[in-house]
Amino acid sequence: MREKLFTVEDHFQINGRGIVVTGQLEPDSPVFKVGSEVILVRPDGEEFVTEVIGIEHIKVINNQIFNRNRIGVLLKNINFKEDIPIGAEVFLDKS
């Protein structure tokens, strides 16, 4: 089972760390953390399974409204930002 976390709005590479994807969490998105397994679905339907190795809140306005925050997620074993294009969707793997 999978639950949608966010749609990729931007991506960039941090030298020595990896690829970061950014987006806005879906309303009522499930809780996830470093170590969570996620599924990345490209606009062409191709899927990648990877692990979250870092999470950063971006422009946190109100800590009470976590699900409306913008976030950046550092992903394991994704080497090229072209692998995860803008518009890809990120899902939490709940299986």
Protein backbone atom coordinates (compact mmCIF):
# COMPACT_ATOMS: atom_id res chain seq x y z
CA MET A 1 0.00 0.00 0.00
CA ARG A 2 1.26 3.50 -0.75
CA GLU A 3 0.21 6.97 0.32
CA LYS A 4 1.17 10.13 -1.57
CA LEU A 5 3.51 12.52 0.20
CA PHE A 6 4.16 15.25 -2.41
CA THR A 7 4.85 16.08 -6.05
CA VAL A 8 8.42 17.06 -6.94
CA GLU A 9 8.55 20.81 -7.64
CA ASP A 10 12.34 21.14 -7.77
CA HIS A 11 15.46 19.03 -7.41
CA PHE A 12 19.14 19.71 -6.90
CA GLN A 13 22.35 17.92 -6.06
CA ILE A 14 24.45 18.44 -2.95
CA ASN A 15 28.04 17.42 -3.70
CA GLY A 16 29.08 14.51 -1.54
CA ARG A 17 25.52 13.90 -0.28
CA GLY A 18 23.14 13.23 -3.15
CA ILE A 19 19.91 14.41 -4.72
CA VAL A 20 17.35 16.52 -2.87
CA VAL A 21 13.75 16.78 -4.11
CA THR A 22 11.43 19.51 -2.86
CA GLY A 23 7.68 19.95 -2.76
CA GLN A 24 4.69 20.69 -0.59
CA LEU A 25 3.29 17.88 1.54
CA GLU A 26 -0.21 16.73 0.67
CA PRO A 27 -2.94 17.57 3.21
CA ASP A 28 -3.17 14.73 5.75
CA SER A 29 -0.05 13.08 4.34
CA PRO A 30 1.27 10.18 6.42
CA VAL A 31 4.11 10.65 8.87
CA PHE A 32 7.51 9.62 7.53
CA LYS A 33 11.06 9.92 8.78
CA VAL A 34 14.69 9.31 7.94
CA GLY A 35 14.90 5.64 7.06
CA SER A 36 11.41 5.47 5.52
CA GLU A 37 11.16 3.69 2.18
CA VAL A 38 9.57 5.80 -0.55
CA ILE A 39 8.44 5.12 -4.10
CA LEU A 40 9.18 7.74 -6.75
CA VAL A 41 6.86 7.63 -9.76
CA ARG A 42 8.10 9.52 -12.80
CA PRO A 43 5.61 11.22 -15.16
CA ASP A 44 6.30 8.41 -17.69
CA GLY A 45 5.16 5.82 -15.10
CA GLU A 46 8.61 4.41 -14.28
CA GLU A 47 9.10 3.77 -10.57
CA PHE A 48 12.11 3.90 -8.26
CA VAL A 49 12.19 2.63 -4.70
CA THR A 50 14.61 4.45 -2.41
CA GLU A 51 15.14 5.52 1.18
CA VAL A 52 14.87 8.91 2.86
CA ILE A 53 18.27 9.87 4.31
CA GLY A 54 17.47 13.47 5.23
CA ILE A 55 14.47 15.81 5.65
CA GLU A 56 14.49 19.60 5.85
CA HIS A 57 11.55 21.96 6.38
CA ILE A 58 11.55 24.92 4.02
CA LYS A 59 9.93 28.22 5.04
CA VAL A 60 8.16 26.82 8.07
CA ILE A 61 5.45 29.36 8.92
CA ASN A 62 3.56 27.54 11.63
CA ASN A 63 4.79 24.34 13.24
CA GLN A 64 1.18 23.47 14.05
CA ILE A 65 0.35 22.99 10.35
CA PHE A 66 3.06 20.47 9.42
CA ASN A 67 1.22 19.00 6.41
CA ARG A 68 1.16 22.36 4.62
CA ASN A 69 4.90 22.91 4.86
CA ARG A 70 7.34 22.81 2.03
CA ILE A 71 10.07 20.22 2.49
CA GLY A 72 13.28 18.98 0.97
CA VAL A 73 14.05 15.26 1.06
CA LEU A 74 17.52 13.79 0.52
CA LEU A 75 17.28 10.42 -1.22
CA LYS A 76 19.54 7.37 -1.09
CA ASN A 77 21.03 5.86 -4.28
CA ILE A 78 19.62 8.50 -6.64
CA ASN A 79 22.65 9.85 -8.47
CA PHE A 80 21.27 12.12 -11.17
CA LYS A 81 18.52 14.70 -10.79
CA GLU A 82 17.39 13.76 -14.30
CA ASP A 83 16.28 10.43 -12.78
CA ILE A 84 13.62 12.31 -10.79
CA PRO A 85 12.09 14.98 -13.06
CA ILE A 86 9.88 17.84 -11.95
CA GLY A 87 6.34 16.45 -11.66
CA ALA A 88 7.39 13.06 -10.30
CA GLU A 89 5.27 11.92 -7.35
CA VAL A 90 6.65 10.66 -4.04
CA PHE A 91 4.75 7.99 -2.13
CA LEU A 92 5.35 6.38 1.27
CA ASP A 93 5.57 2.60 1.03
CA LYS A 94 3.33 1.35 3.87
CA SER A 95 3.66 -2.38 3.09
